[in-house]
């Protein structure tokens, strides 16, 4: 489990494609210093398992299903990615419950700079719109955000200065694809009520 609070901006150092799957080497000295083999790391909001690591970074395998359902299918060497280690038992939950299971890929529709923040509008797949509510939580590229407004096929969030500086969201331009994870609690409620 994750919280959607990015710990470090990593960089893809190598990408090795093999038989439909991919192996990524990510430069991340801060995160890697405390990683062990088999641990989970959210990479751009996608939960990956560490297969190898050293002081400079870590390696993770990405299966075809994940490549199809997330933006990791198109990352290349030099791409910056948001990173978060899994929350330890008893750790602080500063964002919201994030699983690292991407529900879909959205596109940045518009960006409006404010005095000290940016308002960002993101298109989302139609099948996810029922899970997105005003004042609810959503993870965008692994970043926990509060929904400010919704539409049938989009939502709006405000990015504070810390988010703009400490995550990849500050660099995104209209048309950019983003990993989306809706609030897992909404999906469970829907399942329980529908039973």
N, C-alpha and C. Protein backbone atom coordinates (compact mmCIF):
# COMPACT_ATOMS: atom_id res chain seq x y z
N UNK A 1 0.83 -1.18 0.00
CA UNK A 1 0.00 0.00 0.00
C UNK A 1 0.88 1.25 0.00
N UNK A 2 0.38 2.29 -0.64
CA UNK A 2 1.09 3.56 -0.74
C UNK A 2 0.16 4.67 -0.26
N UNK A 3 0.71 5.88 -0.17
CA UNK A 3 -0.09 7.02 0.27
C UNK A 3 -0.25 8.09 -0.80
N UNK A 4 0.50 7.99 -1.89
CA UNK A 4 0.44 9.01 -2.93
C UNK A 4 1.31 10.22 -2.63
N UNK A 5 2.23 10.08 -1.67
CA UNK A 5 3.18 11.15 -1.37
C UNK A 5 4.53 10.76 -1.95
N UNK A 6 4.93 11.45 -2.99
CA UNK A 6 6.16 11.12 -3.72
C UNK A 6 7.38 11.39 -2.86
N UNK A 7 8.28 10.40 -2.81
CA UNK A 7 9.50 10.52 -2.02
C UNK A 7 10.69 11.04 -2.82
N UNK A 8 10.70 10.69 -4.10
CA UNK A 8 11.85 11.06 -4.92
C UNK A 8 11.45 11.06 -6.39
N UNK A 9 12.06 11.93 -7.15
CA UNK A 9 11.94 11.89 -8.61
C UNK A 9 13.06 11.01 -9.12
N UNK A 10 12.71 9.86 -9.67
CA UNK A 10 13.70 8.97 -10.23
C UNK A 10 13.85 9.23 -11.71
N UNK A 11 14.82 8.57 -12.32
CA UNK A 11 15.03 8.70 -13.75
C UNK A 11 15.28 7.32 -14.34
N UNK A 12 14.64 7.05 -15.46
CA UNK A 12 14.85 5.76 -16.12
C UNK A 12 16.24 5.78 -16.74
N UNK A 13 17.11 4.88 -16.25
CA UNK A 13 18.49 4.81 -16.74
C UNK A 13 18.65 3.80 -17.87
N UNK A 14 17.82 2.76 -17.86
CA UNK A 14 17.89 1.74 -18.91
C UNK A 14 16.53 1.07 -19.06
N UNK A 15 16.25 0.65 -20.28
CA UNK A 15 15.03 -0.09 -20.58
C UNK A 15 15.40 -1.25 -21.48
N UNK A 16 15.03 -2.45 -21.06
CA UNK A 16 15.34 -3.65 -21.81
C UNK A 16 14.03 -4.38 -22.10
N UNK A 17 13.63 -4.41 -23.38
CA UNK A 17 12.39 -5.08 -23.77
C UNK A 17 12.73 -6.52 -24.17
N UNK A 18 11.92 -7.46 -23.66
CA UNK A 18 12.19 -8.86 -23.93
C UNK A 18 10.89 -9.66 -23.96
N UNK A 19 10.50 -10.12 -25.15
CA UNK A 19 9.36 -11.00 -25.32
C UNK A 19 8.06 -10.42 -24.74
N UNK A 20 7.83 -9.11 -25.00
CA UNK A 20 6.60 -8.46 -24.56
C UNK A 20 6.67 -7.82 -23.19
N UNK A 21 7.65 -8.17 -22.39
CA UNK A 21 7.83 -7.58 -21.06
C UNK A 21 8.99 -6.59 -21.13
N UNK A 22 9.18 -5.87 -20.04
CA UNK A 22 10.24 -4.85 -19.98
C UNK A 22 10.93 -4.90 -18.63
N UNK A 23 12.21 -4.65 -18.64
CA UNK A 23 12.98 -4.49 -17.40
C UNK A 23 13.46 -3.05 -17.37
N UNK A 24 13.12 -2.36 -16.27
CA UNK A 24 13.53 -0.96 -16.11
C UNK A 24 14.59 -0.84 -15.02
N UNK A 25 15.62 -0.05 -15.31
CA UNK A 25 16.58 0.34 -14.27
C UNK A 25 16.31 1.79 -13.97
N UNK A 26 16.02 2.09 -12.70
CA UNK A 26 15.64 3.43 -12.29
C UNK A 26 16.70 4.00 -11.36
N UNK A 27 17.21 5.18 -11.70
CA UNK A 27 18.13 5.89 -10.83
C UNK A 27 17.34 6.56 -9.72
N UNK A 28 17.66 6.19 -8.48
CA UNK A 28 16.91 6.70 -7.33
C UNK A 28 17.73 6.51 -6.07
N UNK A 29 18.77 7.31 -5.86
CA UNK A 29 19.66 7.07 -4.72
C UNK A 29 18.99 7.17 -3.36
N UNK A 30 18.04 8.06 -3.17
CA UNK A 30 17.39 8.19 -1.86
C UNK A 30 16.50 6.99 -1.55
N UNK A 31 15.65 6.62 -2.50
CA UNK A 31 14.74 5.49 -2.30
C UNK A 31 15.53 4.18 -2.24
N UNK A 32 16.51 4.02 -3.12
CA UNK A 32 17.26 2.76 -3.20
C UNK A 32 18.04 2.46 -1.91
N UNK A 33 18.43 3.49 -1.20
CA UNK A 33 19.22 3.29 0.02
C UNK A 33 18.50 2.43 1.05
N UNK A 34 17.17 2.41 0.99
CA UNK A 34 16.41 1.65 1.99
C UNK A 34 15.60 0.52 1.38
N UNK A 35 15.91 0.14 0.15
CA UNK A 35 15.15 -0.93 -0.52
C UNK A 35 15.80 -2.28 -0.32
N UNK A 36 14.96 -3.31 -0.36
CA UNK A 36 15.43 -4.68 -0.36
C UNK A 36 14.80 -5.39 -1.54
N UNK A 37 15.41 -6.49 -1.93
CA UNK A 37 14.87 -7.29 -3.02
C UNK A 37 13.47 -7.79 -2.67
N UNK A 38 12.54 -7.69 -3.63
CA UNK A 38 11.18 -8.15 -3.40
C UNK A 38 10.25 -7.08 -2.85
N UNK A 39 10.78 -5.93 -2.50
CA UNK A 39 9.93 -4.85 -1.97
C UNK A 39 9.17 -4.18 -3.10
N UNK A 40 8.09 -3.51 -2.73
CA UNK A 40 7.26 -2.79 -3.70
C UNK A 40 7.63 -1.32 -3.74
N UNK A 41 7.64 -0.78 -4.95
CA UNK A 41 7.88 0.64 -5.16
C UNK A 41 6.85 1.12 -6.19
N UNK A 42 6.19 2.23 -5.91
CA UNK A 42 5.29 2.83 -6.89
C UNK A 42 6.14 3.68 -7.83
N UNK A 43 6.07 3.34 -9.12
CA UNK A 43 6.82 4.05 -10.16
C UNK A 43 5.78 4.69 -11.07
N UNK A 44 5.68 6.02 -11.04
CA UNK A 44 4.65 6.74 -11.79
C UNK A 44 3.27 6.21 -11.43
N UNK A 45 3.12 5.78 -10.17
CA UNK A 45 1.84 5.29 -9.69
C UNK A 45 1.60 3.81 -9.90
N UNK A 46 2.56 3.10 -10.47
CA UNK A 46 2.43 1.67 -10.74
C UNK A 46 3.26 0.88 -9.74
N UNK A 47 2.63 -0.05 -9.04
CA UNK A 47 3.34 -0.88 -8.07
C UNK A 47 4.22 -1.89 -8.81
N UNK A 48 5.54 -1.78 -8.58
CA UNK A 48 6.50 -2.71 -9.17
C UNK A 48 7.31 -3.37 -8.06
N UNK A 49 7.83 -4.56 -8.35
CA UNK A 49 8.63 -5.31 -7.40
C UNK A 49 10.11 -5.14 -7.72
N UNK A 50 10.89 -4.82 -6.72
CA UNK A 50 12.34 -4.65 -6.88
C UNK A 50 12.97 -6.03 -7.10
N UNK A 51 13.68 -6.18 -8.23
CA UNK A 51 14.37 -7.44 -8.50
C UNK A 51 15.86 -7.35 -8.21
N UNK A 52 16.38 -6.14 -8.19
CA UNK A 52 17.79 -5.92 -7.89
C UNK A 52 17.95 -4.46 -7.49
N UNK A 53 18.98 -4.14 -6.74
CA UNK A 53 19.20 -2.75 -6.33
C UNK A 53 20.65 -2.56 -5.92
N UNK A 54 21.06 -1.31 -5.94
CA UNK A 54 22.36 -0.90 -5.41
C UNK A 54 22.19 0.51 -4.88
N UNK A 55 23.27 1.17 -4.53
CA UNK A 55 23.16 2.51 -3.94
C UNK A 55 22.61 3.55 -4.91
N UNK A 56 22.72 3.30 -6.21
CA UNK A 56 22.30 4.29 -7.20
C UNK A 56 20.85 4.14 -7.64
N UNK A 57 20.27 2.94 -7.46
CA UNK A 57 18.91 2.75 -7.94
C UNK A 57 18.46 1.32 -7.82
N UNK A 58 17.45 0.97 -8.63
CA UNK A 58 16.90 -0.38 -8.57
C UNK A 58 16.41 -0.83 -9.94
N UNK A 59 16.14 -2.12 -10.04
CA UNK A 59 15.65 -2.73 -11.27
C UNK A 59 14.29 -3.36 -10.95
N UNK A 60 13.36 -3.25 -11.92
CA UNK A 60 12.05 -3.87 -11.77
C UNK A 60 11.58 -4.39 -13.13
N UNK A 61 10.88 -5.51 -13.10
CA UNK A 61 10.30 -6.07 -14.31
C UNK A 61 8.88 -5.55 -14.46
N UNK A 62 8.47 -5.31 -15.71
CA UNK A 62 7.12 -4.83 -16.00
C UNK A 62 6.50 -5.81 -16.99
N UNK A 63 5.40 -6.45 -16.57
CA UNK A 63 4.75 -7.47 -17.40
C UNK A 63 3.89 -6.81 -18.48
N UNK A 64 3.54 -7.57 -19.54
CA UNK A 64 2.75 -6.99 -20.64
C UNK A 64 1.45 -6.32 -20.21
N UNK A 65 0.72 -6.92 -19.26
CA UNK A 65 -0.54 -6.33 -18.79
C UNK A 65 -0.31 -4.92 -18.25
N UNK A 66 0.73 -4.73 -17.47
CA UNK A 66 1.04 -3.42 -16.91
C UNK A 66 1.47 -2.45 -18.00
N UNK A 67 2.22 -2.92 -18.96
CA UNK A 67 2.65 -2.07 -20.07
C UNK A 67 1.45 -1.57 -20.87
N UNK A 68 0.43 -2.42 -21.03
CA UNK A 68 -0.78 -2.04 -21.79
C UNK A 68 -1.66 -1.07 -21.01
N UNK A 69 -1.73 -1.22 -19.70
CA UNK A 69 -2.68 -0.46 -18.90
C UNK A 69 -2.12 0.83 -18.29
N UNK A 70 -0.85 1.10 -18.53
CA UNK A 70 -0.23 2.27 -17.90
C UNK A 70 0.67 3.01 -18.88
N UNK A 71 1.21 4.11 -18.42
CA UNK A 71 2.14 4.88 -19.25
C UNK A 71 3.54 4.26 -19.28
N UNK A 72 3.78 3.22 -18.49
CA UNK A 72 5.11 2.60 -18.47
C UNK A 72 5.46 1.96 -19.82
N UNK A 73 4.45 1.67 -20.63
CA UNK A 73 4.72 1.12 -21.96
C UNK A 73 5.46 2.08 -22.86
N UNK A 74 5.40 3.36 -22.56
CA UNK A 74 6.04 4.35 -23.44
C UNK A 74 7.21 5.10 -22.79
N UNK A 75 7.58 4.73 -21.56
CA UNK A 75 8.71 5.44 -20.94
C UNK A 75 10.02 5.01 -21.61
N UNK A 76 10.91 5.96 -21.72
CA UNK A 76 12.22 5.68 -22.31
C UNK A 76 13.33 6.16 -21.40
N UNK A 77 14.53 5.89 -21.80
CA UNK A 77 15.70 6.34 -21.02
C UNK A 77 15.65 7.85 -20.91
N UNK A 78 15.84 8.35 -19.71
CA UNK A 78 15.81 9.78 -19.44
C UNK A 78 14.48 10.27 -18.90
N UNK A 79 13.44 9.43 -18.94
CA UNK A 79 12.14 9.82 -18.41
C UNK A 79 12.20 9.93 -16.89
N UNK A 80 11.66 11.02 -16.37
CA UNK A 80 11.57 11.17 -14.91
C UNK A 80 10.28 10.52 -14.43
N UNK A 81 10.35 9.86 -13.27
CA UNK A 81 9.19 9.17 -12.73
C UNK A 81 9.06 9.44 -11.23
N UNK A 82 7.81 9.56 -10.77
CA UNK A 82 7.53 9.72 -9.35
C UNK A 82 7.76 8.38 -8.66
N UNK A 83 8.39 8.41 -7.49
CA UNK A 83 8.68 7.19 -6.74
C UNK A 83 8.18 7.30 -5.31
N UNK A 84 7.63 6.17 -4.82
CA UNK A 84 7.23 6.07 -3.42
C UNK A 84 7.40 4.63 -2.97
N UNK A 85 8.07 4.44 -1.84
CA UNK A 85 8.16 3.11 -1.24
C UNK A 85 6.85 2.78 -0.54
N UNK A 86 6.60 1.50 -0.34
CA UNK A 86 5.39 1.06 0.35
C UNK A 86 5.40 1.59 1.78
N UNK A 87 4.20 1.86 2.30
CA UNK A 87 4.06 2.37 3.67
C UNK A 87 4.33 1.23 4.66
N UNK A 88 5.19 1.46 5.63
CA UNK A 88 5.41 0.43 6.65
C UNK A 88 4.22 0.36 7.60
N UNK A 89 4.00 -0.80 8.19
CA UNK A 89 2.94 -0.94 9.19
C UNK A 89 3.20 0.07 10.30
N UNK A 90 2.18 0.83 10.64
CA UNK A 90 2.34 1.86 11.67
C UNK A 90 2.84 3.18 11.10
N UNK A 91 3.09 3.23 9.78
CA UNK A 91 3.56 4.46 9.16
C UNK A 91 2.43 5.47 8.99
N UNK A 92 2.80 6.70 8.70
CA UNK A 92 1.81 7.76 8.54
C UNK A 92 1.13 7.67 7.18
N UNK A 93 -0.16 7.89 7.18
CA UNK A 93 -0.95 7.90 5.95
C UNK A 93 -1.28 9.36 5.63
N UNK A 94 -0.34 10.03 4.97
CA UNK A 94 -0.50 11.46 4.73
C UNK A 94 -1.34 11.80 3.52
N UNK A 95 -1.48 10.89 2.58
CA UNK A 95 -2.29 11.15 1.40
C UNK A 95 -3.59 10.40 1.51
N UNK A 96 -3.76 9.37 0.69
CA UNK A 96 -4.92 8.47 0.80
C UNK A 96 -4.46 7.06 0.45
N UNK A 97 -5.32 6.08 0.61
CA UNK A 97 -4.95 4.69 0.32
C UNK A 97 -4.77 4.53 -1.19
N UNK A 98 -3.54 4.23 -1.59
CA UNK A 98 -3.19 4.03 -2.99
C UNK A 98 -2.59 2.64 -3.12
N UNK A 99 -3.09 1.86 -4.06
CA UNK A 99 -2.61 0.49 -4.23
C UNK A 99 -1.49 0.36 -5.26
N UNK A 100 -1.38 1.31 -6.17
CA UNK A 100 -0.41 1.17 -7.25
C UNK A 100 -0.96 0.31 -8.37
N UNK A 101 -2.29 0.14 -8.40
CA UNK A 101 -2.98 -0.62 -9.45
C UNK A 101 -3.69 0.39 -10.34
N UNK A 102 -3.08 0.72 -11.45
CA UNK A 102 -3.60 1.76 -12.35
C UNK A 102 -4.93 1.32 -12.94
N UNK A 103 -5.93 2.19 -12.84
CA UNK A 103 -7.26 1.90 -13.37
C UNK A 103 -7.42 2.32 -14.83
N UNK A 104 -6.60 3.25 -15.26
CA UNK A 104 -6.69 3.72 -16.64
C UNK A 104 -5.71 4.85 -16.89
N UNK A 105 -5.60 5.21 -18.14
CA UNK A 105 -4.72 6.31 -18.53
C UNK A 105 -5.59 7.48 -18.99
N UNK A 106 -5.35 8.65 -18.40
CA UNK A 106 -6.04 9.86 -18.80
C UNK A 106 -5.10 10.75 -19.60
N UNK A 107 -5.61 11.90 -20.01
CA UNK A 107 -4.78 12.87 -20.74
C UNK A 107 -4.98 14.24 -20.13
N UNK A 108 -3.89 14.96 -19.99
CA UNK A 108 -3.98 16.32 -19.49
C UNK A 108 -4.68 17.16 -20.56
N UNK A 109 -5.81 17.71 -20.21
CA UNK A 109 -6.62 18.48 -21.16
C UNK A 109 -6.19 19.95 -21.18
N UNK A 110 -6.04 20.53 -19.99
CA UNK A 110 -5.70 21.96 -19.91
C UNK A 110 -4.96 22.24 -18.61
N UNK A 111 -4.17 23.30 -18.65
CA UNK A 111 -3.40 23.74 -17.48
C UNK A 111 -3.54 25.24 -17.38
N UNK A 112 -4.00 25.72 -16.22
CA UNK A 112 -4.16 27.16 -16.00
C UNK A 112 -3.32 27.58 -14.80
N UNK A 113 -2.25 28.33 -15.05
CA UNK A 113 -1.42 28.77 -13.93
C UNK A 113 -2.17 29.76 -13.03
N UNK A 114 -2.02 29.59 -11.74
CA UNK A 114 -2.57 30.53 -10.77
C UNK A 114 -1.44 31.33 -10.16
N UNK A 115 -1.73 32.16 -9.18
CA UNK A 115 -0.67 32.97 -8.56
C UNK A 115 0.46 32.12 -7.97
N UNK A 116 0.10 30.99 -7.32
CA UNK A 116 1.12 30.12 -6.73
C UNK A 116 0.82 28.65 -6.97
N UNK A 117 -0.16 28.37 -7.79
CA UNK A 117 -0.56 26.98 -8.04
C UNK A 117 -1.02 26.88 -9.49
N UNK A 118 -1.24 25.66 -9.95
CA UNK A 118 -1.80 25.44 -11.28
C UNK A 118 -3.10 24.65 -11.13
N UNK A 119 -4.11 25.05 -11.89
CA UNK A 119 -5.32 24.25 -12.00
C UNK A 119 -5.14 23.39 -13.24
N UNK A 120 -5.36 22.09 -13.08
CA UNK A 120 -5.13 21.14 -14.17
C UNK A 120 -6.41 20.36 -14.41
N UNK A 121 -6.80 20.28 -15.67
CA UNK A 121 -7.98 19.50 -16.06
C UNK A 121 -7.50 18.27 -16.81
N UNK A 122 -8.03 17.12 -16.40
CA UNK A 122 -7.59 15.83 -16.96
C UNK A 122 -8.79 15.06 -17.50
N UNK A 123 -8.66 14.59 -18.75
CA UNK A 123 -9.67 13.70 -19.32
C UNK A 123 -9.50 12.33 -18.68
N UNK A 124 -10.63 11.65 -18.42
CA UNK A 124 -10.53 10.31 -17.88
C UNK A 124 -11.43 9.37 -18.66
N UNK A 125 -11.06 8.08 -18.67
CA UNK A 125 -11.90 7.11 -19.35
C UNK A 125 -13.31 7.12 -18.77
N UNK A 126 -14.32 6.98 -19.63
CA UNK A 126 -15.73 7.07 -19.21
C UNK A 126 -16.08 6.09 -18.11
N UNK A 127 -15.48 4.89 -18.13
CA UNK A 127 -15.83 3.89 -17.12
C UNK A 127 -15.29 4.23 -15.73
N UNK A 128 -14.45 5.24 -15.61
CA UNK A 128 -13.92 5.63 -14.30
C UNK A 128 -14.65 6.83 -13.71
N UNK A 129 -15.44 7.53 -14.50
CA UNK A 129 -16.03 8.79 -14.03
C UNK A 129 -16.92 8.60 -12.80
N UNK A 130 -17.59 7.46 -12.66
CA UNK A 130 -18.49 7.25 -11.51
C UNK A 130 -17.73 7.17 -10.19
N UNK A 131 -16.42 6.95 -10.23
CA UNK A 131 -15.62 6.85 -9.01
C UNK A 131 -14.98 8.16 -8.60
N UNK A 132 -15.13 9.19 -9.41
CA UNK A 132 -14.46 10.47 -9.15
C UNK A 132 -15.49 11.49 -8.69
N UNK A 133 -15.31 11.99 -7.47
CA UNK A 133 -16.26 12.94 -6.87
C UNK A 133 -15.51 14.16 -6.34
N UNK A 134 -16.21 15.28 -6.31
CA UNK A 134 -15.64 16.51 -5.76
C UNK A 134 -15.26 16.28 -4.29
N UNK A 135 -14.09 16.70 -3.92
CA UNK A 135 -13.48 16.54 -2.59
C UNK A 135 -13.04 15.12 -2.32
N UNK A 136 -13.16 14.23 -3.32
CA UNK A 136 -12.65 12.88 -3.19
C UNK A 136 -11.19 12.83 -3.57
N UNK A 137 -10.59 11.67 -3.43
CA UNK A 137 -9.17 11.49 -3.74
C UNK A 137 -9.00 10.75 -5.06
N UNK A 138 -7.92 11.07 -5.74
CA UNK A 138 -7.50 10.36 -6.95
C UNK A 138 -5.98 10.41 -7.00
N UNK A 139 -5.37 9.36 -7.52
CA UNK A 139 -3.92 9.35 -7.72
C UNK A 139 -3.62 9.58 -9.19
N UNK A 140 -2.81 10.58 -9.48
CA UNK A 140 -2.39 10.91 -10.84
C UNK A 140 -0.88 10.74 -10.89
N UNK A 141 -0.41 9.78 -11.69
CA UNK A 141 1.01 9.45 -11.74
C UNK A 141 1.54 9.11 -10.34
N UNK A 142 0.67 8.54 -9.51
CA UNK A 142 1.06 8.14 -8.17
C UNK A 142 0.96 9.23 -7.13
N UNK A 143 0.50 10.41 -7.51
CA UNK A 143 0.41 11.55 -6.59
C UNK A 143 -1.02 11.65 -6.05
N UNK A 144 -1.18 11.65 -4.74
CA UNK A 144 -2.49 11.79 -4.11
C UNK A 144 -2.97 13.22 -4.27
N UNK A 145 -4.15 13.37 -4.90
CA UNK A 145 -4.72 14.70 -5.14
C UNK A 145 -6.18 14.72 -4.73
N UNK A 146 -6.66 15.92 -4.41
CA UNK A 146 -8.07 16.13 -4.09
C UNK A 146 -8.77 16.69 -5.31
N UNK A 147 -9.88 16.08 -5.67
CA UNK A 147 -10.64 16.50 -6.85
C UNK A 147 -11.37 17.81 -6.53
N UNK A 148 -11.16 18.82 -7.37
CA UNK A 148 -11.78 20.14 -7.16
C UNK A 148 -13.09 20.29 -7.95
N UNK A 149 -13.18 19.63 -9.09
CA UNK A 149 -14.39 19.71 -9.92
C UNK A 149 -14.43 18.49 -10.83
N UNK A 150 -15.66 18.14 -11.25
CA UNK A 150 -15.81 16.98 -12.14
C UNK A 150 -16.71 17.33 -13.31
N UNK A 151 -16.56 16.56 -14.37
CA UNK A 151 -17.43 16.60 -15.53
C UNK A 151 -17.66 15.16 -15.95
N UNK A 152 -18.43 14.94 -16.97
CA UNK A 152 -18.73 13.57 -17.38
C UNK A 152 -17.48 12.79 -17.78
N UNK A 153 -16.54 13.45 -18.42
CA UNK A 153 -15.35 12.75 -18.90
C UNK A 153 -14.05 13.42 -18.46
N UNK A 154 -14.12 14.18 -17.38
CA UNK A 154 -12.92 14.90 -16.92
C UNK A 154 -13.05 15.29 -15.47
N UNK A 155 -11.94 15.73 -14.91
CA UNK A 155 -11.93 16.27 -13.55
C UNK A 155 -10.84 17.33 -13.46
N UNK A 156 -10.93 18.14 -12.41
CA UNK A 156 -9.95 19.21 -12.21
C UNK A 156 -9.34 19.08 -10.84
N UNK A 157 -8.02 19.31 -10.75
CA UNK A 157 -7.29 19.34 -9.49
C UNK A 157 -6.44 20.60 -9.47
N UNK A 158 -6.08 21.02 -8.27
CA UNK A 158 -5.14 22.15 -8.12
C UNK A 158 -3.83 21.60 -7.60
N UNK A 159 -2.74 22.05 -8.21
CA UNK A 159 -1.41 21.59 -7.82
C UNK A 159 -0.70 22.71 -7.06
N UNK A 160 -0.41 22.44 -5.78
CA UNK A 160 0.26 23.43 -4.93
C UNK A 160 1.74 23.48 -5.30
N UNK A 161 2.46 24.53 -4.85
CA UNK A 161 3.87 24.67 -5.22
C UNK A 161 4.73 23.44 -4.91
N UNK A 162 4.50 22.79 -3.77
CA UNK A 162 5.29 21.60 -3.42
C UNK A 162 5.08 20.50 -4.45
N UNK A 163 3.84 20.27 -4.85
CA UNK A 163 3.54 19.23 -5.85
C UNK A 163 4.17 19.59 -7.19
N UNK A 164 4.10 20.85 -7.57
CA UNK A 164 4.69 21.29 -8.84
C UNK A 164 6.20 21.07 -8.86
N UNK A 165 6.86 21.30 -7.73
CA UNK A 165 8.32 21.20 -7.67
C UNK A 165 8.82 19.77 -7.42
N UNK A 166 8.08 18.98 -6.64
CA UNK A 166 8.59 17.69 -6.18
C UNK A 166 8.07 16.49 -6.95
N UNK A 167 7.24 16.71 -7.99
CA UNK A 167 6.71 15.59 -8.77
C UNK A 167 6.81 15.91 -10.26
N UNK A 168 6.52 14.91 -11.07
CA UNK A 168 6.55 15.11 -12.53
C UNK A 168 5.35 15.91 -13.01
N UNK A 169 4.35 16.12 -12.15
CA UNK A 169 3.15 16.85 -12.58
C UNK A 169 3.46 18.30 -12.95
N UNK A 170 4.51 18.87 -12.40
CA UNK A 170 4.89 20.24 -12.74
C UNK A 170 5.38 20.39 -14.16
N UNK A 171 5.80 19.29 -14.79
CA UNK A 171 6.36 19.33 -16.15
C UNK A 171 5.37 18.95 -17.24
N UNK A 172 4.18 18.50 -16.87
CA UNK A 172 3.25 17.99 -17.87
C UNK A 172 2.60 19.10 -18.70
N UNK A 173 2.39 18.80 -19.97
CA UNK A 173 1.76 19.74 -20.89
C UNK A 173 0.48 19.12 -21.45
N UNK A 174 -0.45 19.93 -21.95
CA UNK A 174 -1.67 19.39 -22.54
C UNK A 174 -1.37 18.28 -23.56
N UNK A 175 -2.15 17.21 -23.45
CA UNK A 175 -1.97 16.05 -24.31
C UNK A 175 -1.16 14.93 -23.68
N UNK A 176 -0.46 15.24 -22.58
CA UNK A 176 0.38 14.23 -21.93
C UNK A 176 -0.48 13.15 -21.28
N UNK A 177 -0.11 11.86 -21.47
CA UNK A 177 -0.84 10.78 -20.81
C UNK A 177 -0.43 10.68 -19.34
N UNK A 178 -1.39 10.31 -18.49
CA UNK A 178 -1.11 10.15 -17.05
C UNK A 178 -1.81 8.91 -16.52
N UNK A 179 -1.13 8.20 -15.62
CA UNK A 179 -1.72 7.06 -14.94
C UNK A 179 -2.73 7.55 -13.92
N UNK A 180 -3.90 6.89 -13.88
CA UNK A 180 -4.95 7.25 -12.93
C UNK A 180 -5.31 6.05 -12.07
N UNK A 181 -5.44 6.28 -10.79
CA UNK A 181 -5.98 5.27 -9.88
C UNK A 181 -7.07 5.93 -9.06
N UNK A 182 -8.30 5.46 -9.24
CA UNK A 182 -9.42 6.02 -8.48
C UNK A 182 -9.39 5.46 -7.06
N UNK A 183 -10.18 6.04 -6.19
CA UNK A 183 -10.22 5.63 -4.79
C UNK A 183 -10.77 4.21 -4.68
N UNK A 184 -9.97 3.31 -4.13
CA UNK A 184 -10.34 1.91 -4.00
C UNK A 184 -11.59 1.74 -3.14
N UNK A 185 -11.81 2.63 -2.18
CA UNK A 185 -12.99 2.51 -1.33
C UNK A 185 -14.27 2.67 -2.15
N UNK A 186 -14.26 3.53 -3.15
CA UNK A 186 -15.43 3.71 -4.00
C UNK A 186 -15.74 2.43 -4.77
N UNK A 187 -14.72 1.73 -5.21
CA UNK A 187 -14.93 0.48 -5.95
C UNK A 187 -15.51 -0.60 -5.05
N UNK A 188 -15.03 -0.66 -3.81
CA UNK A 188 -15.57 -1.65 -2.87
C UNK A 188 -17.02 -1.34 -2.51
N UNK A 189 -17.32 -0.07 -2.29
CA UNK A 189 -18.70 0.32 -1.97
C UNK A 189 -19.63 -0.07 -3.12
N UNK A 190 -19.21 0.22 -4.35
CA UNK A 190 -20.02 -0.14 -5.50
C UNK A 190 -20.27 -1.65 -5.55
N UNK A 191 -19.26 -2.43 -5.29
CA UNK A 191 -19.39 -3.89 -5.33
C UNK A 191 -20.34 -4.37 -4.23
N UNK A 192 -20.20 -3.82 -3.03
CA UNK A 192 -21.06 -4.23 -1.91
C UNK A 192 -22.52 -3.83 -2.11
N UNK A 193 -22.75 -2.63 -2.58
CA UNK A 193 -24.10 -2.14 -2.82
C UNK A 193 -24.76 -2.88 -3.98
N UNK A 194 -23.97 -3.25 -4.97
CA UNK A 194 -24.49 -3.94 -6.13
C UNK A 194 -24.80 -5.41 -5.87
N UNK A 195 -24.35 -5.94 -4.75
CA UNK A 195 -24.56 -7.38 -4.44
C UNK A 195 -25.97 -7.65 -3.99
